[in-house]
Protein backbone atom coordinates (compact mmCIF):
# COMPACT_ATOMS: atom_id res chain seq x y z
CA MET A 1 -64.03 -137.36 -108.54
CA THR A 2 -64.98 -138.50 -112.04
CA ASP A 3 -62.86 -140.96 -114.07
CA SER A 4 -62.25 -138.59 -116.60
CA GLU A 5 -60.66 -136.00 -113.93
CA ALA A 6 -58.53 -139.14 -112.95
CA ARG A 7 -56.99 -139.63 -115.80
CA ARG A 8 -54.12 -138.71 -116.90
CA PRO A 9 -54.50 -136.04 -120.13
CA LEU A 10 -53.56 -137.49 -123.43
CA LYS A 11 -54.39 -136.35 -127.09
CA VAL A 12 -52.99 -139.69 -128.59
CA ARG A 13 -56.05 -141.05 -126.51
CA ASP A 14 -58.24 -139.65 -129.09
CA LEU A 15 -56.53 -140.66 -132.20
CA THR A 16 -58.54 -142.59 -134.29
CA ILE A 17 -56.09 -145.84 -134.93
CA MET A 18 -55.44 -146.32 -131.09
CA ASN A 19 -59.24 -146.17 -130.74
CA LYS A 20 -59.33 -149.03 -133.26
CA ILE A 21 -56.74 -150.76 -131.43
CA ALA A 22 -58.33 -150.55 -128.44
CA ALA A 23 -61.73 -151.76 -129.76
CA ASP A 24 -59.87 -154.67 -130.62
CA LEU A 25 -58.02 -155.06 -127.73
CA SER A 26 -61.37 -154.99 -125.96
CA LYS A 27 -62.79 -157.75 -128.11
CA ARG A 28 -60.41 -160.01 -127.32
CA ASN A 29 -59.94 -161.92 -124.07
CA ILE A 30 -57.51 -159.53 -122.85
CA SER A 31 -57.88 -157.70 -119.44
CA PRO A 32 -57.15 -154.10 -118.64
CA ASN A 33 -55.17 -155.36 -115.95
CA GLN A 34 -52.99 -157.98 -118.11
CA ILE A 35 -51.68 -155.11 -120.36
CA SER A 36 -50.77 -153.34 -117.43
CA ILE A 37 -48.13 -155.94 -116.24
CA ALA A 38 -46.85 -156.30 -119.63
CA SER A 39 -45.58 -152.86 -119.52
CA ILE A 40 -43.34 -154.13 -116.91
CA PHE A 41 -41.85 -156.46 -119.24
CA PHE A 42 -41.23 -153.97 -121.95
CA ALA A 43 -39.24 -151.90 -119.55
CA LEU A 44 -37.43 -155.27 -118.35
CA LEU A 45 -36.59 -156.07 -121.98
CA ALA A 46 -35.31 -152.30 -122.32
CA GLY A 47 -33.86 -152.01 -118.89
CA LEU A 48 -31.57 -154.98 -120.01
CA CYS A 49 -30.75 -153.82 -123.80
CA LEU A 50 -29.04 -150.40 -121.34
CA VAL A 51 -27.13 -152.75 -119.53
CA ALA A 52 -25.84 -154.64 -122.12
CA ILE A 53 -24.48 -151.62 -123.58
CA GLY A 54 -23.02 -150.92 -120.10
CA ALA A 55 -20.89 -154.66 -120.42
CA GLY A 56 -20.08 -153.71 -124.01
CA SER A 57 -22.89 -155.00 -126.17
CA THR A 58 -23.06 -152.56 -129.33
CA ILE A 59 -24.61 -149.09 -128.66
CA TRP A 60 -27.57 -149.64 -131.85
CA LEU A 61 -29.11 -151.53 -129.04
CA SER A 62 -30.29 -148.49 -127.46
CA TRP A 63 -32.35 -148.20 -130.78
CA LEU A 64 -34.56 -151.40 -129.77
CA ALA A 65 -34.33 -150.00 -125.79
CA ALA A 66 -35.92 -147.12 -127.56
CA LEU A 67 -38.85 -149.13 -128.96
CA LEU A 68 -39.22 -150.85 -126.00
CA VAL A 69 -40.08 -147.57 -123.93
CA GLN A 70 -42.37 -146.56 -126.34
CA CYS A 71 -44.29 -150.05 -126.28
CA ARG A 72 -44.01 -149.95 -122.31
CA LEU A 73 -46.13 -146.39 -123.09
CA LEU A 74 -48.62 -148.46 -125.38
CA CYS A 75 -49.72 -150.35 -122.80
CA ASN A 76 -50.13 -147.61 -120.58
CA LEU A 77 -52.41 -146.00 -123.10
CA PHE A 78 -54.36 -149.19 -124.06
CA ASP A 79 -54.51 -150.64 -120.55
CA GLY A 80 -56.93 -147.41 -119.48
CA MET A 81 -58.65 -147.64 -122.72
CA VAL A 82 -59.56 -150.83 -122.59
CA ALA A 83 -60.70 -150.58 -119.27
CA MET A 84 -63.12 -147.45 -119.90
CA GLU A 85 -63.59 -147.25 -123.25
CA GLY A 86 -64.20 -150.56 -123.64
CA GLY A 87 -65.80 -151.38 -120.35
CA LYS A 88 -63.44 -153.83 -118.38
CA SER A 89 -62.54 -151.80 -115.34
CA THR A 90 -62.19 -154.00 -112.41
CA PRO A 91 -61.88 -152.40 -108.46
CA SER A 92 -58.43 -153.26 -108.39
CA GLY A 93 -57.63 -151.78 -111.32
CA GLU A 94 -55.92 -148.69 -109.92
CA LEU A 95 -53.57 -150.94 -108.44
CA PHE A 96 -52.66 -152.24 -111.72
CA ASN A 97 -52.58 -149.30 -112.89
CA ASP A 98 -49.62 -147.52 -110.57
CA ILE A 99 -48.10 -149.96 -109.38
CA PRO A 100 -46.33 -151.37 -112.72
CA ASP A 101 -45.60 -147.32 -113.41
CA ARG A 102 -43.63 -147.50 -110.43
CA ILE A 103 -41.77 -150.45 -111.51
CA ALA A 104 -40.98 -149.90 -114.78
CA ASP A 105 -39.85 -146.11 -114.62
CA PRO A 106 -36.89 -147.28 -112.18
CA LEU A 107 -36.16 -150.15 -114.42
CA ILE A 108 -35.55 -147.89 -117.65
CA LEU A 109 -34.38 -144.83 -115.68
CA VAL A 110 -31.74 -146.60 -113.17
CA CYS A 111 -30.47 -149.24 -116.00
CA ALA A 112 -29.96 -145.80 -118.65
CA GLY A 113 -27.44 -144.97 -115.73
CA TYR A 114 -25.55 -148.76 -116.23
CA ALA A 115 -25.33 -147.63 -119.61
CA ILE A 116 -23.11 -145.59 -119.16
CA ALA A 117 -21.43 -146.35 -116.23
CA GLY A 118 -18.07 -145.19 -117.48
CA LEU A 119 -18.89 -141.85 -116.92
CA PRO A 120 -18.41 -139.23 -113.79
CA TRP A 121 -22.06 -139.60 -111.93
CA ALA A 122 -23.76 -141.65 -114.74
CA ILE A 123 -24.86 -144.70 -111.90
CA GLU A 124 -25.85 -141.84 -109.88
CA LEU A 125 -27.90 -139.85 -111.72
CA GLY A 126 -29.70 -143.28 -112.96
CA TRP A 127 -30.81 -143.92 -109.53
CA LEU A 128 -31.57 -140.64 -108.58
CA ALA A 129 -33.98 -140.39 -111.49
CA GLY A 130 -35.75 -143.18 -110.66
CA LEU A 131 -36.44 -142.48 -107.45
CA LEU A 132 -37.17 -138.68 -107.81
CA ALA A 133 -39.88 -140.76 -110.97
CA VAL A 134 -41.40 -142.51 -108.76
CA LYS A 135 -41.25 -139.62 -105.55
CA THR A 136 -43.70 -137.72 -108.55
CA ALA A 137 -45.89 -140.08 -108.74
CA TYR A 138 -46.49 -140.26 -104.88
CA VAL A 139 -47.16 -137.00 -104.33
CA ARG A 140 -49.70 -137.39 -106.89
CA VAL A 141 -51.36 -140.11 -105.42
CA LEU A 142 -50.96 -138.45 -101.33
CA ALA A 143 -52.18 -135.42 -102.96
CA THR A 144 -55.26 -137.13 -104.39
CA SER A 145 -55.65 -139.04 -100.93
CA MET A 146 -55.62 -136.12 -99.17
CA GLY A 147 -58.86 -134.41 -101.23
CA ALA A 148 -56.53 -132.59 -103.60
CA PRO A 149 -57.55 -132.76 -107.49
CA THR A 150 -55.24 -135.57 -109.49
CA LEU A 151 -52.21 -133.93 -110.41
CA PHE A 152 -50.85 -135.00 -113.65
CA THR A 153 -48.52 -131.34 -114.68
CA GLY A 154 -45.46 -131.45 -115.78
CA PRO A 155 -42.70 -130.61 -116.08
CA MET A 156 -41.46 -133.92 -116.14
CA ALA A 157 -44.74 -136.30 -115.76
CA LYS A 158 -43.79 -139.98 -116.90
CA GLN A 159 -44.66 -139.36 -120.52
CA HIS A 160 -42.34 -136.57 -120.41
CA ARG A 161 -39.61 -138.65 -119.01
CA MET A 162 -39.90 -141.33 -121.84
CA ALA A 163 -39.96 -139.30 -124.71
CA VAL A 164 -36.71 -137.52 -122.97
CA ILE A 165 -35.01 -141.03 -122.47
CA THR A 166 -36.45 -142.22 -126.04
CA VAL A 167 -35.03 -139.01 -127.68
CA VAL A 168 -31.74 -139.20 -126.03
CA LEU A 169 -31.31 -143.35 -126.75
CA LEU A 170 -32.23 -142.79 -130.51
CA LEU A 171 -29.27 -139.86 -130.72
CA LEU A 172 -26.74 -142.12 -128.77
CA PRO A 173 -25.01 -144.17 -131.26
CA ILE A 174 -25.29 -141.11 -133.42
CA GLU A 175 -23.28 -139.05 -130.99
CA THR A 176 -21.22 -142.02 -131.24
CA SER A 177 -20.48 -142.24 -134.79
CA VAL A 178 -20.22 -138.05 -135.60
CA PHE A 179 -17.63 -137.09 -132.21
CA ALA A 180 -16.42 -140.46 -131.29
CA THR A 181 -18.01 -140.06 -128.08
CA GLN A 182 -20.44 -142.65 -126.37
CA GLY A 183 -23.23 -141.90 -122.93
CA TYR A 184 -22.87 -137.69 -123.03
CA VAL A 185 -26.58 -137.11 -124.80
CA LEU A 186 -27.44 -140.05 -122.39
CA LEU A 187 -26.10 -138.19 -119.14
CA LEU A 188 -27.48 -134.86 -120.12
CA GLY A 189 -30.89 -136.57 -120.62
CA LEU A 190 -30.55 -138.24 -117.39
CA LEU A 191 -29.61 -134.58 -115.72
CA VAL A 192 -32.88 -133.40 -117.75
CA ILE A 193 -34.96 -135.24 -116.14
CA CYS A 194 -33.70 -135.37 -112.64
CA LEU A 195 -34.02 -131.06 -112.84
CA GLY A 196 -37.03 -131.38 -114.05
CA CYS A 197 -38.73 -134.29 -111.92
CA LEU A 198 -37.64 -132.05 -108.99
CA LEU A 199 -39.99 -129.22 -110.31
CA THR A 200 -42.57 -131.29 -111.07
CA LEU A 201 -42.33 -132.44 -107.38
CA TYR A 202 -42.42 -128.44 -105.90
CA LYS A 203 -45.43 -127.44 -108.40
CA ARG A 204 -47.61 -130.88 -107.59
CA ALA A 205 -46.79 -130.12 -103.82
CA ARG A 206 -47.18 -126.46 -104.33
CA SER A 207 -50.32 -126.98 -105.95
CA ALA A 208 -51.84 -129.75 -103.41
CA TYR A 209 -50.79 -127.01 -100.68
CA GLN A 210 -52.92 -124.05 -102.17
CA TYR A 211 -55.85 -125.65 -102.83
CA LEU A 212 -55.90 -127.35 -99.36
CA GLU A 213 -54.94 -124.89 -97.81
CA SER A 214 -57.78 -122.54 -99.23
CA PRO A 215 -60.78 -120.61 -97.90
CA GLU A 216 -63.11 -122.63 -99.60
CA GLN A 217 -61.75 -125.85 -99.00
CA ASN A 218 -60.97 -125.22 -95.47
CA GLN A 219 -64.84 -124.21 -95.18
CA HIS A 220 -66.21 -127.50 -97.46
CA ASN A 221 -63.95 -129.45 -94.57
CA LYS A 222 -65.81 -127.44 -92.11
CA HIS A 223 -68.72 -128.20 -92.97
CA GLU A 224 -68.18 -131.90 -93.33
CA ASP A 225 -66.91 -131.90 -89.57
CA ASN A 226 -70.24 -130.42 -89.02
CA THR A 227 -72.70 -132.70 -90.59
CA ASP A 228 -70.57 -135.76 -89.10
CA VAL A 229 -71.12 -134.58 -85.52
């Protein structure tokens, strides 16, 4: 598998400004692994904002949380660009590429449930969303380890999950101001993420199964078995 096949396809990677920022980062004493780790801290700060909302702090903290979520995504973008385009990739890079994401996703999604803990099933939906987010990545990594193509398909891949949570966090204070309610838009967002993740799990598992069980792949595996004898 080539490096390009193993990368998440992102149109934003082609933007001139993103390439300029990545090029500037590449010239500095900053490694892709450090950028990956920074994404955890942005996710943690976003989670703390959400927990603070649930504890009674101003609802407008949700806008700060939305900004921090986007900072986390920028870290996910620039770590790969600095590694690949900047020529700073390392043998352990894949560990730093994947493990921080598995920490950052639950930090944001679980804390989103605690931000609206007073609503029915909010905490449970937050935990479920965090679990399913990790599970979608698990299926992708498992399929790749078995020889299937790397699966970044949605409808609720990482960038989609973070897009949904960003939008609902921006809408949260507006909901409170206009409708005098607090949290239903976030509750709906968590529900959408959970349902989307379930569909994503099904689609990724089905695609991997169909590829691995295809006649062409079975013939290839038999050929490899014969050459090993």
